[in-house]
PDB file of N, CA and C in Angstrom:
ATOM      1  N   MET A   1      20.635  24.481   7.829  1.00  0.00           N
ATOM      2  CA  MET A   1      19.896  23.373   7.285  1.00  0.00           C
ATOM      3  C   MET A   1      20.875  22.461   6.555  1.00  0.00           C
ATOM      4  N   VAL A   2      20.682  21.166   6.723  1.00  0.00           N
ATOM      5  CA  VAL A   2      21.490  20.170   6.037  1.00  0.00           C
ATOM      6  C   VAL A   2      20.648  19.569   4.926  1.00  0.00           C
ATOM      7  N   ARG A   3      21.154  19.618   3.709  1.00  0.00           N
ATOM      8  CA  ARG A   3      20.429  19.029   2.578  1.00  0.00           C
ATOM      9  C   ARG A   3      20.823  17.560   2.451  1.00  0.00           C
ATOM     10  N   LEU A   4      19.816  16.713   2.362  1.00  0.00           N
ATOM     11  CA  LEU A   4      20.042  15.276   2.261  1.00  0.00           C
ATOM     12  C   LEU A   4      19.608  14.783   0.891  1.00  0.00           C
ATOM     13  N   ALA A   5      20.307  13.795   0.394  1.00  0.00           N
ATOM     14  CA  ALA A   5      19.969  13.213  -0.905  1.00  0.00           C
ATOM     15  C   ALA A   5      18.810  12.233  -0.750  1.00  0.00           C
ATOM     16  N   PRO A   6      17.839  12.266  -1.657  1.00  0.00           N
ATOM     17  CA  PRO A   6      16.757  11.289  -1.601  1.00  0.00           C
ATOM     18  C   PRO A   6      17.237   9.930  -2.081  1.00  0.00           C
ATOM     19  N   GLY A   7      16.409   8.929  -1.889  1.00  0.00           N
ATOM     20  CA  GLY A   7      16.709   7.601  -2.414  1.00  0.00           C
ATOM     21  C   GLY A   7      17.148   6.646  -1.334  1.00  0.00           C
ATOM     22  N   GLY A   8      17.522   5.511  -1.758  1.00  0.00           N
ATOM     23  CA  GLY A   8      17.894   4.428  -0.857  1.00  0.00           C
ATOM     24  C   GLY A   8      17.313   3.143  -1.402  1.00  0.00           C
ATOM     25  N   ARG A   9      17.463   2.109  -0.650  1.00  0.00           N
ATOM     26  CA  ARG A   9      16.982   0.812  -1.096  1.00  0.00           C
ATOM     27  C   ARG A   9      15.909   0.317  -0.149  1.00  0.00           C
ATOM     28  N   ARG A  10      14.885  -0.248  -0.746  1.00  0.00           N
ATOM     29  CA  ARG A  10      13.861  -0.886   0.062  1.00  0.00           C
ATOM     30  C   ARG A  10      14.434  -2.192   0.586  1.00  0.00           C
ATOM     31  N   ARG A  11      14.241  -2.431   1.865  1.00  0.00           N
ATOM     32  CA  ARG A  11      14.753  -3.667   2.441  1.00  0.00           C
ATOM     33  C   ARG A  11      13.745  -4.792   2.253  1.00  0.00           C
ATOM     34  N   LEU A  12      14.251  -5.999   2.108  1.00  0.00           N
ATOM     35  CA  LEU A  12      13.369  -7.156   2.040  1.00  0.00           C
ATOM     36  C   LEU A  12      12.686  -7.323   3.385  1.00  0.00           C
ATOM     37  N   LEU A  13      11.489  -7.874   3.358  1.00  0.00           N
ATOM     38  CA  LEU A  13      10.766  -8.090   4.606  1.00  0.00           C
ATOM     39  C   LEU A  13      11.521  -9.107   5.442  1.00  0.00           C
ATOM     40  N   GLY A  14      11.775  -8.751   6.659  1.00  0.00           N
ATOM     41  CA  GLY A  14      12.513  -9.624   7.556  1.00  0.00           C
ATOM     42  C   GLY A  14      11.593 -10.330   8.532  1.00  0.00           C
ATOM     43  N   GLU A  15      12.176 -10.890   9.555  1.00  0.00           N
ATOM     44  CA  GLU A  15      11.401 -11.621  10.547  1.00  0.00           C
ATOM     45  C   GLU A  15      10.432 -10.727  11.296  1.00  0.00           C
ATOM     46  N   ALA A  16      10.729  -9.444  11.397  1.00  0.00           N
ATOM     47  CA  ALA A  16       9.859  -8.533  12.131  1.00  0.00           C
ATOM     48  C   ALA A  16       8.622  -8.152  11.331  1.00  0.00           C
ATOM     49  N   ALA A  17       8.602  -8.496  10.058  1.00  0.00           N
ATOM     50  CA  ALA A  17       7.470  -8.114   9.213  1.00  0.00           C
ATOM     51  C   ALA A  17       6.197  -8.800   9.681  1.00  0.00           C
ATOM     52  N   THR A  18       5.097  -8.094   9.542  1.00  0.00           N
ATOM     53  CA  THR A  18       3.804  -8.623   9.975  1.00  0.00           C
ATOM     54  C   THR A  18       3.046  -9.260   8.818  1.00  0.00           C
ATOM     55  N   GLY A  19       3.670  -9.434   7.687  1.00  0.00           N
ATOM     56  CA  GLY A  19       3.025 -10.003   6.515  1.00  0.00           C
ATOM     57  C   GLY A  19       3.248  -9.110   5.314  1.00  0.00           C
ATOM     58  N   TYR A  20       2.367  -9.226   4.339  1.00  0.00           N
ATOM     59  CA  TYR A  20       2.514  -8.397   3.142  1.00  0.00           C
ATOM     60  C   TYR A  20       1.141  -7.932   2.671  1.00  0.00           C
ATOM     61  N   PHE A  21       1.143  -6.956   1.764  1.00  0.00           N
ATOM     62  CA  PHE A  21      -0.081  -6.319   1.297  1.00  0.00           C
ATOM     63  C   PHE A  21      -0.253  -6.495  -0.206  1.00  0.00           C
ATOM     64  N   VAL A  22      -1.508  -6.600  -0.621  1.00  0.00           N
ATOM     65  CA  VAL A  22      -1.862  -6.582  -2.034  1.00  0.00           C
ATOM     66  C   VAL A  22      -2.870  -5.450  -2.213  1.00  0.00           C
ATOM     67  N   VAL A  23      -2.566  -4.543  -3.134  1.00  0.00           N
ATOM     68  CA  VAL A  23      -3.423  -3.385  -3.403  1.00  0.00           C
ATOM     69  C   VAL A  23      -4.071  -3.587  -4.767  1.00  0.00           C
ATOM     70  N   THR A  24      -5.392  -3.434  -4.820  1.00  0.00           N
ATOM     71  CA  THR A  24      -6.124  -3.503  -6.082  1.00  0.00           C
ATOM     72  C   THR A  24      -7.138  -2.365  -6.125  1.00  0.00           C
ATOM     73  N   VAL A  25      -7.699  -2.151  -7.303  1.00  0.00           N
ATOM     74  CA  VAL A  25      -8.734  -1.127  -7.476  1.00  0.00           C
ATOM     75  C   VAL A  25      -9.971  -1.794  -8.063  1.00  0.00           C
ATOM     76  N   GLU A  26     -11.110  -1.568  -7.426  1.00  0.00           N
ATOM     77  CA  GLU A  26     -12.397  -1.990  -7.987  1.00  0.00           C
ATOM     78  C   GLU A  26     -12.864  -0.852  -8.888  1.00  0.00           C
ATOM     79  N   THR A  27     -12.646  -1.012 -10.167  1.00  0.00           N
ATOM     80  CA  THR A  27     -12.878   0.067 -11.122  1.00  0.00           C
ATOM     81  C   THR A  27     -14.325   0.553 -11.121  1.00  0.00           C
ATOM     82  N   ALA A  28     -15.276  -0.365 -11.140  1.00  0.00           N
ATOM     83  CA  ALA A  28     -16.688   0.022 -11.223  1.00  0.00           C
ATOM     84  C   ALA A  28     -17.120   0.878 -10.033  1.00  0.00           C
ATOM     85  N   ARG A  29     -16.570   0.580  -8.857  1.00  0.00           N
ATOM     86  CA  ARG A  29     -16.935   1.323  -7.647  1.00  0.00           C
ATOM     87  C   ARG A  29     -15.939   2.439  -7.329  1.00  0.00           C
ATOM     88  N   ARG A  30     -14.869   2.509  -8.140  1.00  0.00           N
ATOM     89  CA  ARG A  30     -13.804   3.492  -7.901  1.00  0.00           C
ATOM     90  C   ARG A  30     -13.314   3.417  -6.455  1.00  0.00           C
ATOM     91  N   ARG A  31     -13.044   2.196  -6.040  1.00  0.00           N
ATOM     92  CA  ARG A  31     -12.691   1.923  -4.655  1.00  0.00           C
ATOM     93  C   ARG A  31     -11.363   1.178  -4.595  1.00  0.00           C
ATOM     94  N   ILE A  32     -10.563   1.491  -3.586  1.00  0.00           N
ATOM     95  CA  ILE A  32      -9.281   0.823  -3.352  1.00  0.00           C
ATOM     96  C   ILE A  32      -9.522  -0.339  -2.397  1.00  0.00           C
ATOM     97  N   VAL A  33      -8.896  -1.474  -2.687  1.00  0.00           N
ATOM     98  CA  VAL A  33      -8.969  -2.639  -1.808  1.00  0.00           C
ATOM     99  C   VAL A  33      -7.554  -2.942  -1.339  1.00  0.00           C
ATOM    100  N   LEU A  34      -7.374  -2.991  -0.024  1.00  0.00           N
ATOM    101  CA  LEU A  34      -6.078  -3.307   0.579  1.00  0.00           C
ATOM    102  C   LEU A  34      -6.236  -4.614   1.340  1.00  0.00           C
ATOM    103  N   ARG A  35      -5.554  -5.651   0.867  1.00  0.00           N
ATOM    104  CA  ARG A  35      -5.608  -6.951   1.543  1.00  0.00           C
ATOM    105  C   ARG A  35      -4.269  -7.214   2.214  1.00  0.00           C
ATOM    106  N   HIS A  36      -4.343  -7.683   3.440  1.00  0.00           N
ATOM    107  CA  HIS A  36      -3.147  -8.028   4.204  1.00  0.00           C
ATOM    108  C   HIS A  36      -3.093  -9.544   4.345  1.00  0.00           C
ATOM    109  N   TYR A  37      -1.945 -10.112   4.032  1.00  0.00           N
ATOM    110  CA  TYR A  37      -1.739 -11.550   4.132  1.00  0.00           C
ATOM    111  C   TYR A  37      -0.691 -11.827   5.193  1.00  0.00           C
ATOM    112  N   GLY A  38      -0.866 -12.915   5.915  1.00  0.00           N
ATOM    113  CA  GLY A  38       0.105 -13.313   6.923  1.00  0.00           C
ATOM    114  C   GLY A  38       1.328 -13.945   6.294  1.00  0.00           C
ATOM    115  N   GLU A  39       2.301 -14.232   7.120  1.00  0.00           N
ATOM    116  CA  GLU A  39       3.544 -14.831   6.640  1.00  0.00           C
ATOM    117  C   GLU A  39       3.318 -16.196   6.003  1.00  0.00           C
ATOM    118  N   ASP A  40       2.199 -16.851   6.344  1.00  0.00           N
ATOM    119  CA  ASP A  40       1.892 -18.167   5.772  1.00  0.00           C
ATOM    120  C   ASP A  40       1.020 -18.056   4.516  1.00  0.00           C
ATOM    121  N   PHE A  41       0.909 -16.836   3.960  1.00  0.00           N
ATOM    122  CA  PHE A  41       0.193 -16.550   2.713  1.00  0.00           C
ATOM    123  C   PHE A  41      -1.329 -16.649   2.831  1.00  0.00           C
ATOM    124  N   THR A  42      -1.859 -16.683   4.036  1.00  0.00           N
ATOM    125  CA  THR A  42      -3.310 -16.683   4.206  1.00  0.00           C
ATOM    126  C   THR A  42      -3.800 -15.250   4.336  1.00  0.00           C
ATOM    127  N   GLU A  43      -4.961 -14.978   3.721  1.00  0.00           N
ATOM    128  CA  GLU A  43      -5.528 -13.633   3.799  1.00  0.00           C
ATOM    129  C   GLU A  43      -6.038 -13.406   5.214  1.00  0.00           C
ATOM    130  N   CYS A  44      -5.584 -12.335   5.814  1.00  0.00           N
ATOM    131  CA  CYS A  44      -5.939 -12.062   7.202  1.00  0.00           C
ATOM    132  C   CYS A  44      -6.951 -10.934   7.339  1.00  0.00           C
ATOM    133  N   ARG A  45      -6.730  -9.835   6.637  1.00  0.00           N
ATOM    134  CA  ARG A  45      -7.554  -8.636   6.809  1.00  0.00           C
ATOM    135  C   ARG A  45      -7.801  -7.974   5.459  1.00  0.00           C
ATOM    136  N   GLU A  46      -8.890  -7.205   5.389  1.00  0.00           N
ATOM    137  CA  GLU A  46      -9.182  -6.430   4.187  1.00  0.00           C
ATOM    138  C   GLU A  46      -9.724  -5.074   4.601  1.00  0.00           C
ATOM    139  N   LEU A  47      -9.187  -4.037   3.995  1.00  0.00           N
ATOM    140  CA  LEU A  47      -9.692  -2.680   4.176  1.00  0.00           C
ATOM    141  C   LEU A  47     -10.083  -2.165   2.801  1.00  0.00           C
ATOM    142  N   THR A  48     -11.191  -1.451   2.718  1.00  0.00           N
ATOM    143  CA  THR A  48     -11.605  -0.859   1.451  1.00  0.00           C
ATOM    144  C   THR A  48     -11.973   0.597   1.678  1.00  0.00           C
ATOM    145  N   GLY A  49     -11.774   1.404   0.662  1.00  0.00           N
ATOM    146  CA  GLY A  49     -12.139   2.807   0.768  1.00  0.00           C
ATOM    147  C   GLY A  49     -11.737   3.574  -0.468  1.00  0.00           C
ATOM    148  N   HIS A  50     -11.929   4.877  -0.398  1.00  0.00           N
ATOM    149  CA  HIS A  50     -11.623   5.754  -1.524  1.00  0.00           C
ATOM    150  C   HIS A  50     -10.384   6.607  -1.275  1.00  0.00           C
ATOM    151  N   SER A  51      -9.869   6.599  -0.054  1.00  0.00           N
ATOM    152  CA  SER A  51      -8.766   7.476   0.328  1.00  0.00           C
ATOM    153  C   SER A  51      -7.530   6.668   0.707  1.00  0.00           C
ATOM    154  N   ALA A  52      -6.418   6.955   0.032  1.00  0.00           N
ATOM    155  CA  ALA A  52      -5.153   6.298   0.354  1.00  0.00           C
ATOM    156  C   ALA A  52      -4.756   6.571   1.800  1.00  0.00           C
ATOM    157  N   GLU A  53      -4.917   7.806   2.226  1.00  0.00           N
ATOM    158  CA  GLU A  53      -4.539   8.177   3.592  1.00  0.00           C
ATOM    159  C   GLU A  53      -5.345   7.391   4.622  1.00  0.00           C
ATOM    160  N   ALA A  54      -6.653   7.288   4.422  1.00  0.00           N
ATOM    161  CA  ALA A  54      -7.496   6.559   5.371  1.00  0.00           C
ATOM    162  C   ALA A  54      -7.107   5.085   5.440  1.00  0.00           C
ATOM    163  N   LEU A  55      -6.799   4.485   4.299  1.00  0.00           N
ATOM    164  CA  LEU A  55      -6.411   3.078   4.292  1.00  0.00           C
ATOM    165  C   LEU A  55      -5.071   2.865   4.986  1.00  0.00           C
ATOM    166  N   LEU A  56      -4.118   3.747   4.740  1.00  0.00           N
ATOM    167  CA  LEU A  56      -2.820   3.625   5.396  1.00  0.00           C
ATOM    168  C   LEU A  56      -2.965   3.794   6.903  1.00  0.00           C
ATOM    169  N   LEU A  57      -3.717   4.803   7.329  1.00  0.00           N
ATOM    170  CA  LEU A  57      -3.920   5.015   8.763  1.00  0.00           C
ATOM    171  C   LEU A  57      -4.660   3.837   9.391  1.00  0.00           C
ATOM    172  N   GLY A  58      -5.599   3.248   8.664  1.00  0.00           N
ATOM    173  CA  GLY A  58      -6.299   2.066   9.164  1.00  0.00           C
ATOM    174  C   GLY A  58      -5.361   0.887   9.335  1.00  0.00           C
ATOM    175  N   ALA A  59      -4.477   0.680   8.372  1.00  0.00           N
ATOM    176  CA  ALA A  59      -3.508  -0.413   8.470  1.00  0.00           C
ATOM    177  C   ALA A  59      -2.602  -0.224   9.680  1.00  0.00           C
ATOM    178  N   ILE A  60      -2.196   1.006   9.937  1.00  0.00           N
ATOM    179  CA  ILE A  60      -1.355   1.291  11.104  1.00  0.00           C
ATOM    180  C   ILE A  60      -2.155   1.076  12.383  1.00  0.00           C
ATOM    181  N   ARG A  61      -3.370   1.623  12.443  1.00  0.00           N
ATOM    182  CA  ARG A  61      -4.199   1.518  13.643  1.00  0.00           C
ATOM    183  C   ARG A  61      -4.480   0.064  14.015  1.00  0.00           C
ATOM    184  N   HIS A  62      -4.681  -0.783  13.007  1.00  0.00           N
ATOM    185  CA  HIS A  62      -4.995  -2.187  13.270  1.00  0.00           C
ATOM    186  C   HIS A  62      -3.747  -3.053  13.456  1.00  0.00           C
ATOM    187  N   GLY A  63      -2.572  -2.425  13.491  1.00  0.00           N
ATOM    188  CA  GLY A  63      -1.342  -3.155  13.760  1.00  0.00           C
ATOM    189  C   GLY A  63      -0.840  -3.997  12.605  1.00  0.00           C
ATOM    190  N   LEU A  64      -1.255  -3.670  11.388  1.00  0.00           N
ATOM    191  CA  LEU A  64      -0.811  -4.444  10.233  1.00  0.00           C
ATOM    192  C   LEU A  64       0.591  -4.054   9.787  1.00  0.00           C
ATOM    193  N   LEU A  65       1.055  -2.913  10.242  1.00  0.00           N
ATOM    194  CA  LEU A  65       2.436  -2.472  10.011  1.00  0.00           C
ATOM    195  C   LEU A  65       3.111  -2.355  11.368  1.00  0.00           C
ATOM    196  N   GLY A  66       4.207  -3.057  11.529  1.00  0.00           N
ATOM    197  CA  GLY A  66       4.924  -2.997  12.794  1.00  0.00           C
ATOM    198  C   GLY A  66       5.693  -1.701  12.941  1.00  0.00           C
ATOM    199  N   PRO A  67       6.097  -1.366  14.173  1.00  0.00           N
ATOM    200  CA  PRO A  67       6.796  -0.098  14.413  1.00  0.00           C
ATOM    201  C   PRO A  67       8.139   0.002  13.695  1.00  0.00           C
ATOM    202  N   GLY A  68       8.755  -1.104  13.364  1.00  0.00           N
ATOM    203  CA  GLY A  68      10.043  -1.079  12.682  1.00  0.00           C
ATOM    204  C   GLY A  68       9.933  -1.174  11.173  1.00  0.00           C
ATOM    205  N   GLU A  69       8.742  -0.959  10.623  1.00  0.00           N
ATOM    206  CA  GLU A  69       8.530  -1.155   9.190  1.00  0.00           C
ATOM    207  C   GLU A  69       8.315   0.163   8.453  1.00  0.00           C
ATOM    208  N   LEU A  70       9.162   1.136   8.701  1.00  0.00           N
ATOM    209  CA  LEU A  70       9.012   2.438   8.053  1.00  0.00           C
ATOM    210  C   LEU A  70       9.143   2.342   6.539  1.00  0.00           C
ATOM    211  N   SER A  71      10.065   1.534   6.064  1.00  0.00           N
ATOM    212  CA  SER A  71      10.246   1.376   4.623  1.00  0.00           C
ATOM    213  C   SER A  71       8.990   0.777   3.994  1.00  0.00           C
ATOM    214  N   HIS A  72       8.428  -0.211   4.660  1.00  0.00           N
ATOM    215  CA  HIS A  72       7.207  -0.854   4.162  1.00  0.00           C
ATOM    216  C   HIS A  72       6.041   0.133   4.180  1.00  0.00           C
ATOM    217  N   ALA A  73       5.952   0.944   5.221  1.00  0.00           N
ATOM    218  CA  ALA A  73       4.884   1.948   5.315  1.00  0.00           C
ATOM    219  C   ALA A  73       5.013   2.985   4.202  1.00  0.00           C
ATOM    220  N   GLY A  74       6.232   3.410   3.913  1.00  0.00           N
ATOM    221  CA  GLY A  74       6.452   4.371   2.833  1.00  0.00           C
ATOM    222  C   GLY A  74       6.053   3.798   1.489  1.00  0.00           C
ATOM    223  N   TYR A  75       6.452   2.562   1.246  1.00  0.00           N
ATOM    224  CA  TYR A  75       6.085   1.882   0.000  1.00  0.00           C
ATOM    225  C   TYR A  75       4.569   1.748  -0.111  1.00  0.00           C
ATOM    226  N   LEU A  76       3.922   1.317   0.982  1.00  0.00           N
ATOM    227  CA  LEU A  76       2.475   1.119   0.956  1.00  0.00           C
ATOM    228  C   LEU A  76       1.746   2.437   0.714  1.00  0.00           C
ATOM    229  N   GLY A  77       2.204   3.504   1.350  1.00  0.00           N
ATOM    230  CA  GLY A  77       1.593   4.814   1.134  1.00  0.00           C
ATOM    231  C   GLY A  77       1.678   5.249  -0.316  1.00  0.00           C
ATOM    232  N   ALA A  78       2.826   5.015  -0.942  1.00  0.00           N
ATOM    233  CA  ALA A  78       2.997   5.381  -2.355  1.00  0.00           C
ATOM    234  C   ALA A  78       2.079   4.552  -3.249  1.00  0.00           C
ATOM    235  N   GLU A  79       1.975   3.253  -2.985  1.00  0.00           N
ATOM    236  CA  GLU A  79       1.097   2.393  -3.795  1.00  0.00           C
ATOM    237  C   GLU A  79      -0.369   2.768  -3.612  1.00  0.00           C
ATOM    238  N   LEU A  80      -0.758   3.075  -2.383  1.00  0.00           N
ATOM    239  CA  LEU A  80      -2.149   3.465  -2.140  1.00  0.00           C
ATOM    240  C   LEU A  80      -2.477   4.789  -2.829  1.00  0.00           C
ATOM    241  N   ALA A  81      -1.536   5.726  -2.820  1.00  0.00           N
ATOM    242  CA  ALA A  81      -1.755   7.008  -3.508  1.00  0.00           C
ATOM    243  C   ALA A  81      -1.902   6.788  -5.010  1.00  0.00           C
ATOM    244  N   LYS A  82      -1.101   5.894  -5.550  1.00  0.00           N
ATOM    245  CA  LYS A  82      -1.191   5.571  -6.976  1.00  0.00           C
ATOM    246  C   LYS A  82      -2.539   4.911  -7.285  1.00  0.00           C
ATOM    247  N   ALA A  83      -2.981   4.011  -6.410  1.00  0.00           N
ATOM    248  CA  ALA A  83      -4.275   3.351  -6.591  1.00  0.00           C
ATOM    249  C   ALA A  83      -5.418   4.359  -6.500  1.00  0.00           C
ATOM    250  N   GLU A  84      -5.307   5.319  -5.578  1.00  0.00           N
ATOM    251  CA  GLU A  84      -6.338   6.352  -5.460  1.00  0.00           C
ATOM    252  C   GLU A  84      -6.417   7.186  -6.739  1.00  0.00           C
ATOM    253  N   ALA A  85      -5.276   7.559  -7.278  1.00  0.00           N
ATOM    254  CA  ALA A  85      -5.259   8.329  -8.528  1.00  0.00           C
ATOM    255  C   ALA A  85      -5.898   7.524  -9.659  1.00  0.00           C
ATOM    256  N   ALA A  86      -5.585   6.237  -9.734  1.00  0.00           N
ATOM    257  CA  ALA A  86      -6.162   5.388 -10.777  1.00  0.00           C
ATOM    258  C   ALA A  86      -7.674   5.301 -10.635  1.00  0.00           C
ATOM    259  N   ALA A  87      -8.149   5.135  -9.412  1.00  0.00           N
ATOM    260  CA  ALA A  87      -9.592   5.026  -9.179  1.00  0.00           C
ATOM    261  C   ALA A  87     -10.306   6.322  -9.559  1.00  0.00           C
ATOM    262  N   ARG A  88      -9.724   7.446  -9.196  1.00  0.00           N
ATOM    263  CA  ARG A  88     -10.356   8.746  -9.474  1.00  0.00           C
ATOM    264  C   ARG A  88     -10.329   9.116 -10.956  1.00  0.00           C
ATOM    265  N   LEU A  89      -9.232   8.748 -11.628  1.00  0.00           N
ATOM    266  CA  LEU A  89      -9.041   9.170 -13.016  1.00  0.00           C
ATOM    267  C   LEU A  89      -9.395   8.097 -14.044  1.00  0.00           C
ATOM    268  N   GLY A  90      -9.815   6.927 -13.570  1.00  0.00           N
ATOM    269  CA  GLY A  90     -10.179   5.851 -14.486  1.00  0.00           C
ATOM    270  C   GLY A  90      -8.993   5.219 -15.188  1.00  0.00           C
ATOM    271  N   LEU A  91      -7.835   5.196 -14.525  1.00  0.00           N
ATOM    272  CA  LEU A  91      -6.637   4.596 -15.104  1.00  0.00           C
ATOM    273  C   LEU A  91      -6.516   3.140 -14.676  1.00  0.00           C
ATOM    274  N   HIS A  92      -5.673   2.393 -15.379  1.00  0.00           N
ATOM    275  CA  HIS A  92      -5.442   0.985 -15.067  1.00  0.00           C
ATOM    276  C   HIS A  92      -4.352   0.901 -13.999  1.00  0.00           C
ATOM    277  N   TYR A  93      -4.649   0.202 -12.900  1.00  0.00           N
ATOM    278  CA  TYR A  93      -3.699   0.070 -11.796  1.00  0.00           C
ATOM    279  C   TYR A  93      -3.271  -1.382 -11.636  1.00  0.00           C
ATOM    280  N   VAL A  94      -1.969  -1.594 -11.576  1.00  0.00           N
ATOM    281  CA  VAL A  94      -1.377  -2.875 -11.208  1.00  0.00           C
ATOM    282  C   VAL A  94      -0.273  -2.551 -10.215  1.00  0.00           C
ATOM    283  N   GLN A  95      -0.297  -3.206  -9.072  1.00  0.00           N
ATOM    284  CA  GLN A  95       0.694  -2.944  -8.030  1.00  0.00           C
ATOM    285  C   GLN A  95       2.108  -3.119  -8.582  1.00  0.00           C
ATOM    286  N   ASP A  96       2.977  -2.205  -8.201  1.00  0.00           N
ATOM    287  CA  ASP A  96       4.396  -2.196  -8.593  1.00  0.00           C
ATOM    288  C   ASP A  96       4.631  -1.891 -10.076  1.00  0.00           C
ATOM    289  N   ARG A  97       3.610  -1.378 -10.760  1.00  0.00           N
ATOM    290  CA  ARG A  97       3.743  -1.003 -12.166  1.00  0.00           C
ATOM    291  C   ARG A  97       3.279   0.436 -12.352  1.00  0.00           C
ATOM    292  N   PRO A  98       3.761   1.120 -13.385  1.00  0.00           N
ATOM    293  CA  PRO A  98       3.279   2.481 -13.666  1.00  0.00           C
ATOM    294  C   PRO A  98       1.799   2.457 -14.055  1.00  0.00           C
ATOM    295  N   LEU A  99       1.103   3.548 -13.780  1.00  0.00           N
ATOM    296  CA  LEU A  99      -0.294   3.677 -14.193  1.00  0.00           C
ATOM    297  C   LEU A  99      -0.365   3.775 -15.712  1.00  0.00           C
ATOM    298  N   THR A 100      -1.418   3.189 -16.279  1.00  0.00           N
ATOM    299  CA  THR A 100      -1.617   3.261 -17.725  1.00  0.00           C
ATOM    300  C   THR A 100      -3.074   3.593 -18.023  1.00  0.00           C
ATOM    301  N   ALA A 101      -3.310   4.112 -19.220  1.00  0.00           N
ATOM    302  CA  ALA A 101      -4.679   4.391 -19.664  1.00  0.00           C
ATOM    303  C   ALA A 101      -5.383   3.073 -19.955  1.00  0.00           C
ATOM    304  N   ARG A 102      -6.666   3.080 -19.818  1.00  0.00           N
ATOM    305  CA  ARG A 102      -7.457   1.864 -20.109  1.00  0.00           C
ATOM    306  C   ARG A 102      -7.541   1.631 -21.583  1.00  0.00           C
TER     307      ARG A 102
END
């Protein structure tokens, strides 16, 4: 077995990117909202649910993440998991920020 070091750098979205995502939590409904925006900043798609995994798989199934966007998929999965934890535990969620108590 070869042990590999974790870490690395997230790459900026390039020309192959299919747009960008905004993750929010509807606190009252304890629901995650995943909005996908196109390269021209227009809202294109919205997925809602209670499960980070289901939302990530939905984004992949609907082609919102391109095949060359593994870094973006990893980042999105981590943000969705954080949003799910916030929704379940009643914590304050802001994308790209640590979770905080209300």
